[in-house]
Protein backbone atom coordinates (compact mmCIF):
# COMPACT_ATOMS: atom_id res chain seq x y z
CA MET A 1 10.90 0.90 16.81
CA ALA A 2 8.00 0.64 14.40
CA THR A 3 4.97 2.84 15.01
CA ILE A 4 1.80 0.80 15.40
CA ARG A 5 -1.52 2.60 14.89
CA PHE A 6 -4.72 1.01 16.16
CA PHE A 7 -8.17 1.73 14.72
CA ALA A 8 -11.76 1.02 15.80
CA ALA A 9 -12.13 -2.18 17.89
CA ALA A 10 -8.35 -2.70 17.98
CA ALA A 11 -7.88 0.73 19.57
CA GLU A 12 -10.65 0.04 22.06
CA SER A 13 -9.18 -3.33 23.05
CA ALA A 14 -5.64 -1.93 23.39
CA ALA A 15 -6.95 1.18 25.17
CA ALA A 16 -4.57 3.13 22.96
CA ASP A 17 -4.40 4.71 19.52
CA ALA A 18 -0.74 3.87 18.97
CA ALA A 19 2.32 2.08 20.30
CA ALA A 20 6.02 1.78 19.48
CA ILE A 21 7.16 -1.83 19.13
CA ASP A 22 10.55 -3.29 18.20
CA ALA A 23 9.69 -6.32 16.05
CA ALA A 24 11.61 -7.99 13.23
CA THR A 25 8.57 -9.37 11.36
CA ILE A 26 4.79 -9.15 11.30
CA GLY A 27 4.68 -12.51 13.10
CA ASP A 28 6.91 -11.16 15.86
CA LEU A 29 4.71 -8.06 16.06
CA ARG A 30 1.56 -10.19 16.42
CA ALA A 31 3.16 -12.15 19.27
CA GLN A 32 4.28 -9.01 21.08
CA LEU A 33 0.90 -7.30 20.70
CA THR A 34 -0.88 -10.38 22.05
CA SER A 35 1.50 -10.49 25.00
CA LEU A 36 0.96 -6.79 25.74
CA TYR A 37 -2.80 -6.55 25.24
CA GLY A 38 -4.16 -10.03 26.02
CA ASP A 39 -6.61 -12.60 24.73
CA GLU A 40 -9.40 -10.26 23.63
CA PHE A 41 -6.93 -8.21 21.59
CA GLU A 42 -5.59 -11.44 20.04
CA ARG A 43 -9.13 -12.37 18.96
CA ILE A 44 -9.59 -8.98 17.31
CA LEU A 45 -6.11 -9.02 15.79
CA GLY A 46 -6.90 -12.31 14.07
CA ARG A 47 -9.61 -10.54 12.07
CA CYS A 48 -7.58 -7.41 11.29
CA SER A 49 -5.69 -6.36 8.21
CA LEU A 50 -2.16 -5.13 8.87
CA LEU A 51 -0.77 -2.48 6.55
CA VAL A 52 2.96 -1.73 6.56
CA ASN A 53 3.53 1.75 5.21
CA GLY A 54 0.19 1.52 3.42
CA THR A 55 0.76 -1.93 1.87
CA ARG A 56 -1.13 -4.95 3.17
CA ALA A 57 1.13 -7.47 4.94
CA THR A 58 -0.02 -10.81 3.52
CA ASP A 59 1.92 -13.12 5.86
CA ASP A 60 3.88 -13.23 9.08
CA THR A 61 7.29 -13.23 7.35
CA VAL A 62 6.97 -9.61 6.18
CA PRO A 63 9.98 -7.80 7.68
CA LEU A 64 9.70 -4.64 9.77
CA SER A 65 12.18 -1.86 10.40
CA GLY A 66 12.27 0.90 12.96
CA SER A 67 10.99 3.48 10.48
CA ASP A 68 7.87 1.49 9.49
CA THR A 69 4.30 2.41 10.34
CA VAL A 70 1.88 -0.50 10.81
CA ASP A 71 -1.86 0.13 10.76
CA VAL A 72 -4.06 -2.41 12.56
CA LEU A 73 -7.42 -2.25 10.78
CA PRO A 74 -10.40 -4.31 11.93
CA PRO A 75 -13.08 -5.10 9.36
CA PHE A 76 -15.32 -2.12 8.75
CA ALA A 77 -19.05 -2.23 8.16
CA GLY A 78 -21.16 0.38 6.55
CA GLY A 79 -23.10 1.29 3.51
């Protein structure tokens, strides 16, 4: 199972900092997260960057393995 780490608004919406999910691809992961955490999380997820082991996942076909760590990063603001 991949380790999923949530940050900022994603963590608030999921009411968790992390989860373990068995998903074959980023697209599968998105579907499972939406199913688990609901419509508001899906809205936030649509604006997030997903990093797999520190590398941005650019599309839903990016494969995942059980040893991967996926960071769910909402847009940050600041100055």
